[in-house]
Amino acid sequence: QVQLVESGGGLVQAGDSLRLSCAASGRTFSSYSMGWFRQAPGKERELVATINWSGGSTGYTDSVKGRFTISRDKNTVYLQMNSLKPEDTAVYYCAARRVAGTPFDYWGQGTQVTVSS
């Protein structure tokens, strides 16, 4: 069992930066592949970034490439978001899965990111 708690969201202006954190509990967290998703009002949930169990492999959706960076340490996954745009406004969720490429098994409660123009 893995429990995930996100933090770090807030209200910022376009061009600003934020770092989201996802604190994980569970003895096997280090073996899990992790992801950050977001969902804007009226839109479907979108996979933003992924990182494998070792941190050696990452992936990003095209709209955030070059601006967002996913990373992890022993118990936390981070999403560094730079050059934020109003279209990045959404609730951001972290998620964990046992095996890369399979559906995510565990989800956090989400943290709101609002970018004003």
C-alpha atoms as a PDB file:
ATOM      1  CA  GLN A   1       0.000   0.000   0.000  1.00  0.00           C
ATOM      2  CA  VAL A   2       1.253   3.476  -0.902  1.00  0.00           C
ATOM      3  CA  GLN A   3      -0.199   6.748   0.348  1.00  0.00           C
ATOM      4  CA  LEU A   4       0.492   9.961  -1.541  1.00  0.00           C
ATOM      5  CA  VAL A   5       0.134  13.560  -0.332  1.00  0.00           C
ATOM      6  CA  GLU A   6       0.740  16.476  -2.697  1.00  0.00           C
ATOM      7  CA  SER A   7       1.736  19.999  -1.694  1.00  0.00           C
ATOM      8  CA  GLY A   8       3.179  23.149  -3.200  1.00  0.00           C
ATOM      9  CA  GLY A   9       0.320  24.418  -5.312  1.00  0.00           C
ATOM     10  CA  GLY A  10      -0.802  28.013  -5.303  1.00  0.00           C
ATOM     11  CA  LEU A  11      -1.621  31.154  -7.253  1.00  0.00           C
ATOM     12  CA  VAL A  12       1.184  32.601  -9.365  1.00  0.00           C
ATOM     13  CA  GLN A  13       1.597  34.903 -12.332  1.00  0.00           C
ATOM     14  CA  ALA A  14       2.513  33.845 -15.835  1.00  0.00           C
ATOM     15  CA  GLY A  15       6.255  33.290 -16.097  1.00  0.00           C
ATOM     16  CA  ASP A  16       6.648  32.316 -12.444  1.00  0.00           C
ATOM     17  CA  SER A  17       7.806  28.978 -11.067  1.00  0.00           C
ATOM     18  CA  LEU A  18       6.392  26.465  -8.607  1.00  0.00           C
ATOM     19  CA  ARG A  19       7.647  23.192  -7.226  1.00  0.00           C
ATOM     20  CA  LEU A  20       5.120  20.532  -6.369  1.00  0.00           C
ATOM     21  CA  SER A  21       5.974  17.774  -3.924  1.00  0.00           C
ATOM     22  CA  CYS A  22       4.387  14.384  -3.460  1.00  0.00           C
ATOM     23  CA  ALA A  23       5.258  12.703  -0.170  1.00  0.00           C
ATOM     24  CA  ALA A  24       4.891   8.958  -0.278  1.00  0.00           C
ATOM     25  CA  SER A  25       4.566   6.412   2.486  1.00  0.00           C
ATOM     26  CA  GLY A  26       4.952   2.684   2.114  1.00  0.00           C
ATOM     27  CA  ARG A  27       7.871   0.332   2.306  1.00  0.00           C
ATOM     28  CA  THR A  28       7.938  -0.395  -1.430  1.00  0.00           C
ATOM     29  CA  PHE A  29       7.667   3.184  -2.713  1.00  0.00           C
ATOM     30  CA  SER A  30      11.190   3.115  -4.109  1.00  0.00           C
ATOM     31  CA  SER A  31      10.206   0.380  -6.539  1.00  0.00           C
ATOM     32  CA  TYR A  32       7.211   2.243  -7.976  1.00  0.00           C
ATOM     33  CA  SER A  33       6.999   4.191 -11.202  1.00  0.00           C
ATOM     34  CA  MET A  34       5.509   7.649 -10.558  1.00  0.00           C
ATOM     35  CA  GLY A  35       3.561  10.206 -12.517  1.00  0.00           C
ATOM     36  CA  TRP A  36       2.106  13.683 -12.300  1.00  0.00           C
ATOM     37  CA  PHE A  37      -1.310  14.305 -13.847  1.00  0.00           C
ATOM     38  CA  ARG A  38      -3.411  17.419 -14.122  1.00  0.00           C
ATOM     39  CA  GLN A  39      -7.059  18.165 -14.731  1.00  0.00           C
ATOM     40  CA  ALA A  40      -8.397  21.545 -15.709  1.00  0.00           C
ATOM     41  CA  PRO A  41     -12.094  22.457 -15.348  1.00  0.00           C
ATOM     42  CA  GLY A  42     -14.129  20.868 -18.114  1.00  0.00           C
ATOM     43  CA  LYS A  43     -11.180  18.899 -19.449  1.00  0.00           C
ATOM     44  CA  GLU A  44     -10.019  15.325 -19.198  1.00  0.00           C
ATOM     45  CA  ARG A  45      -7.218  14.327 -16.882  1.00  0.00           C
ATOM     46  CA  GLU A  46      -3.854  14.608 -18.609  1.00  0.00           C
ATOM     47  CA  LEU A  47      -0.605  12.792 -17.903  1.00  0.00           C
ATOM     48  CA  VAL A  48       2.051  15.482 -17.536  1.00  0.00           C
ATOM     49  CA  ALA A  49       5.233  13.667 -16.540  1.00  0.00           C
ATOM     50  CA  THR A  50       6.496  10.240 -15.531  1.00  0.00           C
ATOM     51  CA  ILE A  51       9.582   8.894 -13.816  1.00  0.00           C
ATOM     52  CA  ASN A  52      10.708   5.317 -13.408  1.00  0.00           C
ATOM     53  CA  TRP A  53      11.633   3.634 -10.161  1.00  0.00           C
ATOM     54  CA  SER A  54      15.300   4.630 -10.296  1.00  0.00           C
ATOM     55  CA  GLY A  55      14.788   8.162 -11.583  1.00  0.00           C
ATOM     56  CA  GLY A  56      16.858   7.333 -14.612  1.00  0.00           C
ATOM     57  CA  SER A  57      14.049   7.615 -17.126  1.00  0.00           C
ATOM     58  CA  THR A  58      11.564  10.441 -17.442  1.00  0.00           C
ATOM     59  CA  GLY A  59       8.858  11.451 -19.898  1.00  0.00           C
ATOM     60  CA  TYR A  60       6.801  14.574 -20.537  1.00  0.00           C
ATOM     61  CA  THR A  61       3.789  15.631 -22.497  1.00  0.00           C
ATOM     62  CA  ASP A  62       4.743  17.962 -25.325  1.00  0.00           C
ATOM     63  CA  SER A  63       3.146  21.056 -23.813  1.00  0.00           C
ATOM     64  CA  VAL A  64       5.482  21.035 -20.793  1.00  0.00           C
ATOM     65  CA  LYS A  65       8.742  19.828 -22.331  1.00  0.00           C
ATOM     66  CA  GLY A  66      11.566  22.208 -21.511  1.00  0.00           C
ATOM     67  CA  ARG A  67       9.554  23.869 -18.738  1.00  0.00           C
ATOM     68  CA  PHE A  68       8.716  21.099 -16.252  1.00  0.00           C
ATOM     69  CA  THR A  69      11.107  18.651 -14.580  1.00  0.00           C
ATOM     70  CA  ILE A  70      10.118  15.551 -12.634  1.00  0.00           C
ATOM     71  CA  SER A  71      12.499  14.089 -10.075  1.00  0.00           C
ATOM     72  CA  ARG A  72      12.449  11.863  -7.025  1.00  0.00           C
ATOM     73  CA  ASP A  73      14.374  11.062  -3.902  1.00  0.00           C
ATOM     74  CA  LYS A  74      13.856   8.423  -1.266  1.00  0.00           C
ATOM     75  CA  ASN A  75      10.308   9.347  -0.224  1.00  0.00           C
ATOM     76  CA  THR A  76       9.211  12.219  -2.417  1.00  0.00           C
ATOM     77  CA  VAL A  77       8.474  12.973  -6.046  1.00  0.00           C
ATOM     78  CA  TYR A  78       8.809  16.534  -7.302  1.00  0.00           C
ATOM     79  CA  LEU A  79       7.521  18.502 -10.243  1.00  0.00           C
ATOM     80  CA  GLN A  80       9.496  21.666 -10.897  1.00  0.00           C
ATOM     81  CA  MET A  81       7.401  23.957 -13.061  1.00  0.00           C
ATOM     82  CA  ASN A  82       9.056  26.947 -14.712  1.00  0.00           C
ATOM     83  CA  SER A  83       7.764  29.569 -17.139  1.00  0.00           C
ATOM     84  CA  LEU A  84       4.214  28.839 -16.088  1.00  0.00           C
ATOM     85  CA  LYS A  85       1.391  29.743 -18.432  1.00  0.00           C
ATOM     86  CA  PRO A  86      -2.322  30.341 -17.763  1.00  0.00           C
ATOM     87  CA  GLU A  87      -3.067  27.082 -19.600  1.00  0.00           C
ATOM     88  CA  ASP A  88      -1.123  25.216 -16.892  1.00  0.00           C
ATOM     89  CA  THR A  89      -3.926  26.042 -14.458  1.00  0.00           C
ATOM     90  CA  ALA A  90      -5.326  22.770 -13.115  1.00  0.00           C
ATOM     91  CA  VAL A  91      -5.495  20.438 -10.155  1.00  0.00           C
ATOM     92  CA  TYR A  92      -2.272  18.432 -10.140  1.00  0.00           C
ATOM     93  CA  TYR A  93      -2.216  14.844  -8.897  1.00  0.00           C
ATOM     94  CA  CYS A  94       0.630  12.464  -8.300  1.00  0.00           C
ATOM     95  CA  ALA A  95       0.169   8.765  -8.843  1.00  0.00           C
ATOM     96  CA  ALA A  96       2.110   5.541  -8.373  1.00  0.00           C
ATOM     97  CA  ARG A  97       2.153   2.237 -10.194  1.00  0.00           C
ATOM     98  CA  ARG A  98       3.955  -1.016  -9.588  1.00  0.00           C
ATOM     99  CA  VAL A  99       4.899  -1.593 -13.200  1.00  0.00           C
ATOM    100  CA  ALA A 100       5.747   1.028 -15.798  1.00  0.00           C
ATOM    101  CA  GLY A 101       3.279   1.113 -18.655  1.00  0.00           C
ATOM    102  CA  THR A 102       0.357  -0.235 -16.613  1.00  0.00           C
ATOM    103  CA  PRO A 103      -2.511   1.738 -15.043  1.00  0.00           C
ATOM    104  CA  PHE A 104      -1.635   3.770 -11.969  1.00  0.00           C
ATOM    105  CA  ASP A 105      -2.606   2.064  -8.725  1.00  0.00           C
ATOM    106  CA  TYR A 106      -2.478   4.858  -6.145  1.00  0.00           C
ATOM    107  CA  TRP A 107      -3.456   8.521  -6.266  1.00  0.00           C
ATOM    108  CA  GLY A 108      -3.005  11.609  -4.141  1.00  0.00           C
ATOM    109  CA  GLN A 109      -5.764  14.085  -3.328  1.00  0.00           C
ATOM    110  CA  GLY A 110      -4.481  16.802  -5.660  1.00  0.00           C
ATOM    111  CA  THR A 111      -3.138  20.327  -5.298  1.00  0.00           C
ATOM    112  CA  GLN A 112      -4.473  23.384  -7.123  1.00  0.00           C
ATOM    113  CA  VAL A 113      -2.197  25.402  -9.402  1.00  0.00           C
ATOM    114  CA  THR A 114      -3.577  28.664 -10.747  1.00  0.00           C
ATOM    115  CA  VAL A 115      -1.588  30.815 -13.177  1.00  0.00           C
ATOM    116  CA  SER A 116      -2.869  34.322 -13.820  1.00  0.00           C
ATOM    117  CA  SER A 117      -2.091  36.231 -17.002  1.00  0.00           C
END
